PDB file of N, CA and C in Angstrom:
ATOM      1  N   MET A   1     161.943 133.877  90.171  1.00  0.00           N
ATOM      2  CA  MET A   1     160.967 133.826  89.306  1.00  0.00           C
ATOM      3  C   MET A   1     159.951 133.668  89.275  1.00  0.00           C
ATOM      4  N   THR A   2     158.794 134.251  89.419  1.00  0.00           N
ATOM      5  CA  THR A   2     157.747 133.507  89.971  1.00  0.00           C
ATOM      6  C   THR A   2     157.019 133.985  88.770  1.00  0.00           C
ATOM      7  N   CYS A   3     155.919 132.558  89.287  1.00  0.00           N
ATOM      8  CA  CYS A   3     155.331 131.959  88.206  1.00  0.00           C
ATOM      9  C   CYS A   3     153.395 132.056  87.977  1.00  0.00           C
ATOM     10  N   THR A   4     153.268 133.065  88.099  1.00  0.00           N
ATOM     11  CA  THR A   4     150.962 132.853  87.966  1.00  0.00           C
ATOM     12  C   THR A   4     150.824 132.568  87.197  1.00  0.00           C
ATOM     13  N   LEU A   5     149.734 131.324  87.100  1.00  0.00           N
ATOM     14  CA  LEU A   5     148.856 130.279  86.719  1.00  0.00           C
ATOM     15  C   LEU A   5     147.403 131.610  86.678  1.00  0.00           C
ATOM     16  N   LYS A   6     147.263 131.455  85.735  1.00  0.00           N
ATOM     17  CA  LYS A   6     145.691 132.443  85.267  1.00  0.00           C
ATOM     18  C   LYS A   6     144.956 131.234  84.597  1.00  0.00           C
ATOM     19  N   GLU A   7     145.049 130.601  83.960  1.00  0.00           N
ATOM     20  CA  GLU A   7     143.671 129.792  83.065  1.00  0.00           C
ATOM     21  C   GLU A   7     144.906 129.012  82.680  1.00  0.00           C
ATOM     22  N   HIS A   8     144.367 127.186  83.300  1.00  0.00           N
ATOM     23  CA  HIS A   8     144.733 126.485  82.881  1.00  0.00           C
ATOM     24  C   HIS A   8     144.034 126.054  81.567  1.00  0.00           C
ATOM     25  N   TYR A   9     144.364 125.176  80.257  1.00  0.00           N
ATOM     26  CA  TYR A   9     143.433 125.014  78.940  1.00  0.00           C
ATOM     27  C   TYR A   9     143.647 123.710  78.868  1.00  0.00           C
ATOM     28  N   GLY A  10     144.921 122.647  78.961  1.00  0.00           N
ATOM     29  CA  GLY A  10     145.122 121.879  79.024  1.00  0.00           C
ATOM     30  C   GLY A  10     146.640 120.870  78.674  1.00  0.00           C
ATOM     31  N   VAL A  11     146.039 118.980  79.041  1.00  0.00           N
ATOM     32  CA  VAL A  11     147.372 118.229  79.238  1.00  0.00           C
ATOM     33  C   VAL A  11     147.121 117.947  77.974  1.00  0.00           C
ATOM     34  N   LEU A  12     148.767 118.111  77.974  1.00  0.00           N
ATOM     35  CA  LEU A  12     148.893 117.358  76.135  1.00  0.00           C
ATOM     36  C   LEU A  12     149.610 116.115  76.718  1.00  0.00           C
ATOM     37  N   SER A  13     150.412 115.044  78.174  1.00  0.00           N
ATOM     38  CA  SER A  13     151.127 114.340  77.198  1.00  0.00           C
ATOM     39  C   SER A  13     150.917 114.398  79.172  1.00  0.00           C
ATOM     40  N   HIS A  14     151.464 113.035  79.620  1.00  0.00           N
ATOM     41  CA  HIS A  14     151.924 112.525  81.333  1.00  0.00           C
ATOM     42  C   HIS A  14     152.569 111.965  80.363  1.00  0.00           C
ATOM     43  N   ASP A  15     153.653 111.597  81.816  1.00  0.00           N
ATOM     44  CA  ASP A  15     154.448 110.850  81.508  1.00  0.00           C
ATOM     45  C   ASP A  15     154.760 109.724  83.349  1.00  0.00           C
ATOM     46  N   ALA A  16     155.624 108.776  83.186  1.00  0.00           N
ATOM     47  CA  ALA A  16     155.714 108.117  84.396  1.00  0.00           C
ATOM     48  C   ALA A  16     155.937 109.218  86.018  1.00  0.00           C
ATOM     49  N   ASN A  17     155.780 109.469  85.920  1.00  0.00           N
ATOM     50  CA  ASN A  17     156.323 109.800  87.252  1.00  0.00           C
ATOM     51  C   ASN A  17     155.665 110.827  87.222  1.00  0.00           C
ATOM     52  N   GLY A  18     154.273 110.827  87.083  1.00  0.00           N
ATOM     53  CA  GLY A  18     153.263 112.162  87.119  1.00  0.00           C
ATOM     54  C   GLY A  18     153.216 113.177  87.140  1.00  0.00           C
ATOM     55  N   TRP A  19     154.568 113.462  85.494  1.00  0.00           N
ATOM     56  CA  TRP A  19     154.177 115.368  85.771  1.00  0.00           C
ATOM     57  C   TRP A  19     153.274 114.991  84.535  1.00  0.00           C
ATOM     58  N   CYS A  20     152.787 116.263  83.843  1.00  0.00           N
ATOM     59  CA  CYS A  20     151.896 116.382  83.513  1.00  0.00           C
ATOM     60  C   CYS A  20     152.596 117.764  82.360  1.00  0.00           C
ATOM     61  N   LYS A  21     152.687 117.719  80.789  1.00  0.00           N
ATOM     62  CA  LYS A  21     152.696 118.373  79.865  1.00  0.00           C
ATOM     63  C   LYS A  21     151.276 119.453  79.969  1.00  0.00           C
ATOM     64  N   GLU A  22     151.874 120.494  79.635  1.00  0.00           N
ATOM     65  CA  GLU A  22     149.994 120.832  80.051  1.00  0.00           C
ATOM     66  C   GLU A  22     150.385 122.522  79.211  1.00  0.00           C
ATOM     67  N   LEU A  23     149.279 123.363  78.446  1.00  0.00           N
ATOM     68  CA  LEU A  23     149.156 124.212  77.809  1.00  0.00           C
ATOM     69  C   LEU A  23     148.921 125.081  79.008  1.00  0.00           C
ATOM     70  N   ASN A  24     148.932 126.314  79.180  1.00  0.00           N
ATOM     71  CA  ASN A  24     147.847 127.052  80.669  1.00  0.00           C
ATOM     72  C   ASN A  24     148.782 128.288  79.803  1.00  0.00           C
ATOM     73  N   LEU A  25     148.010 129.357  80.531  1.00  0.00           N
ATOM     74  CA  LEU A  25     148.224 130.790  80.496  1.00  0.00           C
ATOM     75  C   LEU A  25     148.779 131.413  81.684  1.00  0.00           C
ATOM     76  N   VAL A  26     149.612 131.920  81.756  1.00  0.00           N
ATOM     77  CA  VAL A  26     150.376 132.814  82.956  1.00  0.00           C
ATOM     78  C   VAL A  26     151.232 133.690  82.655  1.00  0.00           C
ATOM     79  N   SER A  27     151.634 134.566  83.801  1.00  0.00           N
ATOM     80  CA  SER A  27     152.421 135.292  83.745  1.00  0.00           C
ATOM     81  C   SER A  27     154.138 135.761  84.428  1.00  0.00           C
ATOM     82  N   TRP A  28     154.683 135.269  84.077  1.00  0.00           N
ATOM     83  CA  TRP A  28     156.034 135.483  84.035  1.00  0.00           C
ATOM     84  C   TRP A  28     156.041 137.014  85.121  1.00  0.00           C
ATOM     85  N   ASN A  29     156.806 137.010  86.498  1.00  0.00           N
ATOM     86  CA  ASN A  29     156.764 138.420  87.164  1.00  0.00           C
ATOM     87  C   ASN A  29     156.023 139.337  87.188  1.00  0.00           C
ATOM     88  N   GLY A  30     155.134 138.700  87.041  1.00  0.00           N
ATOM     89  CA  GLY A  30     153.477 140.652  87.118  1.00  0.00           C
ATOM     90  C   GLY A  30     153.225 140.634  85.977  1.00  0.00           C
ATOM     91  N   GLY A  31     154.146 140.484  84.562  1.00  0.00           N
ATOM     92  CA  GLY A  31     154.210 140.814  83.557  1.00  0.00           C
ATOM     93  C   GLY A  31     153.113 140.037  82.401  1.00  0.00           C
ATOM     94  N   MET A  32     152.800 140.698  81.288  1.00  0.00           N
ATOM     95  CA  MET A  32     151.939 140.109  80.768  1.00  0.00           C
ATOM     96  C   MET A  32     151.544 138.468  80.651  1.00  0.00           C
ATOM     97  N   ASP A  33     150.575 138.423  80.483  1.00  0.00           N
ATOM     98  CA  ASP A  33     150.030 137.034  80.225  1.00  0.00           C
ATOM     99  C   ASP A  33     150.675 136.023  79.078  1.00  0.00           C
ATOM    100  N   LYS A  34     150.810 135.122  79.056  1.00  0.00           N
ATOM    101  CA  LYS A  34     151.339 134.534  78.034  1.00  0.00           C
ATOM    102  C   LYS A  34     151.106 132.568  78.051  1.00  0.00           C
ATOM    103  N   PHE A  35     150.883 132.521  76.798  1.00  0.00           N
ATOM    104  CA  PHE A  35     150.785 130.802  76.112  1.00  0.00           C
ATOM    105  C   PHE A  35     152.443 130.468  77.274  1.00  0.00           C
ATOM    106  N   ASP A  36     151.491 129.077  78.072  1.00  0.00           N
ATOM    107  CA  ASP A  36     152.418 128.602  78.095  1.00  0.00           C
ATOM    108  C   ASP A  36     152.920 126.876  78.088  1.00  0.00           C
ATOM    109  N   ILE A  37     153.700 126.339  77.490  1.00  0.00           N
ATOM    110  CA  ILE A  37     153.880 125.189  77.441  1.00  0.00           C
ATOM    111  C   ILE A  37     155.173 124.302  78.542  1.00  0.00           C
ATOM    112  N   ARG A  38     154.958 123.513  79.167  1.00  0.00           N
ATOM    113  CA  ARG A  38     155.598 122.806  80.308  1.00  0.00           C
ATOM    114  C   ARG A  38     154.865 121.579  80.925  1.00  0.00           C
ATOM    115  N   SER A  39     156.288 120.928  81.489  1.00  0.00           N
ATOM    116  CA  SER A  39     155.934 119.855  82.086  1.00  0.00           C
ATOM    117  C   SER A  39     155.234 120.788  83.961  1.00  0.00           C
ATOM    118  N   TRP A  40     154.445 119.805  84.529  1.00  0.00           N
ATOM    119  CA  TRP A  40     153.883 120.270  85.765  1.00  0.00           C
ATOM    120  C   TRP A  40     154.182 119.236  86.849  1.00  0.00           C
ATOM    121  N   ASP A  41     154.399 118.781  88.159  1.00  0.00           N
ATOM    122  CA  ASP A  41     154.261 118.112  88.690  1.00  0.00           C
ATOM    123  C   ASP A  41     152.583 118.717  89.524  1.00  0.00           C
ATOM    124  N   HIS A  42     151.824 117.464  89.866  1.00  0.00           N
ATOM    125  CA  HIS A  42     150.767 116.702  90.215  1.00  0.00           C
ATOM    126  C   HIS A  42     150.107 118.486  90.842  1.00  0.00           C
ATOM    127  N   LEU A  43     151.288 118.139  91.871  1.00  0.00           N
ATOM    128  CA  LEU A  43     150.570 119.768  92.828  1.00  0.00           C
ATOM    129  C   LEU A  43     150.729 121.297  92.229  1.00  0.00           C
ATOM    130  N   HIS A  44     151.491 121.181  90.822  1.00  0.00           N
ATOM    131  CA  HIS A  44     151.680 122.318  90.578  1.00  0.00           C
ATOM    132  C   HIS A  44     152.712 123.459  91.231  1.00  0.00           C
ATOM    133  N   GLN A  45     153.851 122.488  91.588  1.00  0.00           N
ATOM    134  CA  GLN A  45     154.448 123.428  92.360  1.00  0.00           C
ATOM    135  C   GLN A  45     155.503 123.315  91.694  1.00  0.00           C
ATOM    136  N   LYS A  46     156.436 122.140  91.467  1.00  0.00           N
ATOM    137  CA  LYS A  46     157.682 122.143  90.605  1.00  0.00           C
ATOM    138  C   LYS A  46     157.176 122.325  90.017  1.00  0.00           C
ATOM    139  N   LYS A  47     157.906 122.894  88.116  1.00  0.00           N
ATOM    140  CA  LYS A  47     157.609 123.190  86.927  1.00  0.00           C
ATOM    141  C   LYS A  47     158.977 122.287  85.517  1.00  0.00           C
ATOM    142  N   THR A  48     158.948 121.481  84.844  1.00  0.00           N
ATOM    143  CA  THR A  48     159.996 121.315  83.843  1.00  0.00           C
ATOM    144  C   THR A  48     160.248 123.456  82.611  1.00  0.00           C
ATOM    145  N   ARG A  49     161.862 122.724  82.299  1.00  0.00           N
ATOM    146  CA  ARG A  49     162.174 124.173  81.811  1.00  0.00           C
ATOM    147  C   ARG A  49     160.493 124.081  80.835  1.00  0.00           C
ATOM    148  N   GLY A  50     160.367 125.189  79.904  1.00  0.00           N
ATOM    149  CA  GLY A  50     159.420 124.936  78.841  1.00  0.00           C
ATOM    150  C   GLY A  50     159.252 125.989  77.605  1.00  0.00           C
ATOM    151  N   ILE A  51     158.178 127.056  77.468  1.00  0.00           N
ATOM    152  CA  ILE A  51     158.716 127.399  76.228  1.00  0.00           C
ATOM    153  C   ILE A  51     156.687 128.460  76.025  1.00  0.00           C
ATOM    154  N   THR A  52     157.355 129.847  76.564  1.00  0.00           N
ATOM    155  CA  THR A  52     156.425 130.949  75.969  1.00  0.00           C
ATOM    156  C   THR A  52     156.232 131.588  74.947  1.00  0.00           C
ATOM    157  N   LEU A  53     155.228 131.508  74.971  1.00  0.00           N
ATOM    158  CA  LEU A  53     154.365 132.651  73.386  1.00  0.00           C
ATOM    159  C   LEU A  53     153.121 133.518  73.736  1.00  0.00           C
ATOM    160  N   ARG A  54     153.910 134.306  72.306  1.00  0.00           N
ATOM    161  CA  ARG A  54     152.958 135.424  72.311  1.00  0.00           C
ATOM    162  C   ARG A  54     151.827 134.662  72.423  1.00  0.00           C
ATOM    163  N   THR A  55     150.017 135.649  71.961  1.00  0.00           N
ATOM    164  CA  THR A  55     148.721 135.215  70.816  1.00  0.00           C
ATOM    165  C   THR A  55     149.794 134.633  70.333  1.00  0.00           C
ATOM    166  N   GLU A  56     150.092 136.007  69.208  1.00  0.00           N
ATOM    167  CA  GLU A  56     150.614 136.355  67.949  1.00  0.00           C
ATOM    168  C   GLU A  56     151.010 134.883  67.640  1.00  0.00           C
ATOM    169  N   GLU A  57     151.900 134.623  67.803  1.00  0.00           N
ATOM    170  CA  GLU A  57     152.629 132.646  68.397  1.00  0.00           C
ATOM    171  C   GLU A  57     152.130 131.542  68.244  1.00  0.00           C
ATOM    172  N   VAL A  58     150.768 131.982  68.519  1.00  0.00           N
ATOM    173  CA  VAL A  58     149.848 130.879  68.808  1.00  0.00           C
ATOM    174  C   VAL A  58     149.098 130.274  67.833  1.00  0.00           C
ATOM    175  N   GLU A  59     149.009 131.627  68.109  1.00  0.00           N
ATOM    176  CA  GLU A  59     147.922 132.274  66.166  1.00  0.00           C
ATOM    177  C   GLU A  59     148.720 131.369  64.816  1.00  0.00           C
ATOM    178  N   ASN A  60     149.980 132.001  64.808  1.00  0.00           N
ATOM    179  CA  ASN A  60     150.895 131.093  63.691  1.00  0.00           C
ATOM    180  C   ASN A  60     151.282 129.559  63.962  1.00  0.00           C
ATOM    181  N   LEU A  61     151.287 129.332  64.720  1.00  0.00           N
ATOM    182  CA  LEU A  61     151.131 127.755  65.232  1.00  0.00           C
ATOM    183  C   LEU A  61     150.119 126.749  65.286  1.00  0.00           C
ATOM    184  N   TYR A  62     148.831 127.426  65.056  1.00  0.00           N
ATOM    185  CA  TYR A  62     147.398 126.434  64.574  1.00  0.00           C
ATOM    186  C   TYR A  62     147.765 126.900  63.567  1.00  0.00           C
ATOM    187  N   ARG A  63     148.340 127.896  63.140  1.00  0.00           N
ATOM    188  CA  ARG A  63     147.718 128.149  61.045  1.00  0.00           C
ATOM    189  C   ARG A  63     148.646 127.441  60.879  1.00  0.00           C
ATOM    190  N   ILE A  64     149.775 126.863  60.938  1.00  0.00           N
ATOM    191  CA  ILE A  64     151.253 125.852  60.754  1.00  0.00           C
ATOM    192  C   ILE A  64     150.345 124.438  60.460  1.00  0.00           C
ATOM    193  N   LEU A  65     149.644 123.855  61.976  1.00  0.00           N
ATOM    194  CA  LEU A  65     149.258 122.748  61.996  1.00  0.00           C
ATOM    195  C   LEU A  65     148.250 122.224  61.753  1.00  0.00           C
ATOM    196  N   ASP A  66     147.108 123.322  61.620  1.00  0.00           N
ATOM    197  CA  ASP A  66     145.966 123.530  61.034  1.00  0.00           C
ATOM    198  C   ASP A  66     146.123 123.334  58.980  1.00  0.00           C
ATOM    199  N   GLY A  67     148.098 123.380  58.952  1.00  0.00           N
ATOM    200  CA  GLY A  67     147.904 123.602  57.536  1.00  0.00           C
ATOM    201  C   GLY A  67     148.436 121.980  57.730  1.00  0.00           C
ATOM    202  N   LEU A  68     149.394 121.110  58.615  1.00  0.00           N
ATOM    203  CA  LEU A  68     149.785 120.232  58.305  1.00  0.00           C
ATOM    204  C   LEU A  68     148.819 118.508  58.895  1.00  0.00           C
ATOM    205  N   TYR A  69     147.935 118.764  59.219  1.00  0.00           N
ATOM    206  CA  TYR A  69     146.678 118.557  59.552  1.00  0.00           C
ATOM    207  C   TYR A  69     145.165 118.420  59.895  1.00  0.00           C
ATOM    208  N   GLY A  70     144.876 119.229  59.408  1.00  0.00           N
ATOM    209  CA  GLY A  70     143.915 120.208  59.650  1.00  0.00           C
ATOM    210  C   GLY A  70     142.822 119.436  58.147  1.00  0.00           C
ATOM    211  N   ALA A  71     143.432 119.331  56.976  1.00  0.00           N
ATOM    212  CA  ALA A  71     141.705 118.883  56.330  1.00  0.00           C
ATOM    213  C   ALA A  71     142.440 117.121  56.396  1.00  0.00           C
ATOM    214  N   GLU A  72     143.504 116.760  56.901  1.00  0.00           N
ATOM    215  CA  GLU A  72     144.477 115.158  57.047  1.00  0.00           C
ATOM    216  C   GLU A  72     143.251 114.051  58.573  1.00  0.00           C
ATOM    217  N   HIS A  73     142.840 114.726  58.578  1.00  0.00           N
ATOM    218  CA  HIS A  73     142.338 114.362  60.227  1.00  0.00           C
ATOM    219  C   HIS A  73     141.006 113.832  59.752  1.00  0.00           C
ATOM    220  N   ASP A  74     140.742 112.574  60.495  1.00  0.00           N
ATOM    221  CA  ASP A  74     139.228 112.336  60.667  1.00  0.00           C
ATOM    222  C   ASP A  74     138.145 112.532  61.360  1.00  0.00           C
ATOM    223  N   ALA A  75     137.162 112.207  61.848  1.00  0.00           N
ATOM    224  CA  ALA A  75     137.014 112.554  62.613  1.00  0.00           C
ATOM    225  C   ALA A  75     137.564 112.085  64.465  1.00  0.00           C
ATOM    226  N   ALA A  76     137.618 110.702  64.065  1.00  0.00           N
ATOM    227  CA  ALA A  76     138.530 110.580  65.780  1.00  0.00           C
ATOM    228  C   ALA A  76     139.225 111.100  65.419  1.00  0.00           C
ATOM    229  N   GLY A  77     140.227 112.329  64.827  1.00  0.00           N
ATOM    230  CA  GLY A  77     141.563 112.228  64.878  1.00  0.00           C
ATOM    231  C   GLY A  77     142.957 111.858  64.813  1.00  0.00           C
ATOM    232  N   SER A  78     142.567 110.840  63.681  1.00  0.00           N
ATOM    233  CA  SER A  78     144.233 110.002  62.841  1.00  0.00           C
ATOM    234  C   SER A  78     144.434 110.041  61.269  1.00  0.00           C
ATOM    235  N   MET A  79     145.392 110.556  61.321  1.00  0.00           N
ATOM    236  CA  MET A  79     146.087 110.337  59.869  1.00  0.00           C
ATOM    237  C   MET A  79     144.928 109.466  58.908  1.00  0.00           C
ATOM    238  N   SER A  80     144.323 110.464  57.931  1.00  0.00           N
ATOM    239  CA  SER A  80     143.409 109.266  56.689  1.00  0.00           C
ATOM    240  C   SER A  80     144.568 108.877  55.978  1.00  0.00           C
TER     241      SER A  80
END
């Protein structure tokens, strides 16, 4: 399987071994671009299992998270 990183959106977390859980746009085996959440080593050569999402799924996830946290967060991003 080949994974082509199209765009890096951000790091969700870091672990003690230097791996980063990231949100990226990727193409698997030359297929359609999809959003991808998984951990990568610092060189982006090794990766863990993760999850890929179509645009529609990311939009649904956004709506769910916004419903859970949108109005309840203050400017600092913590629960009120």
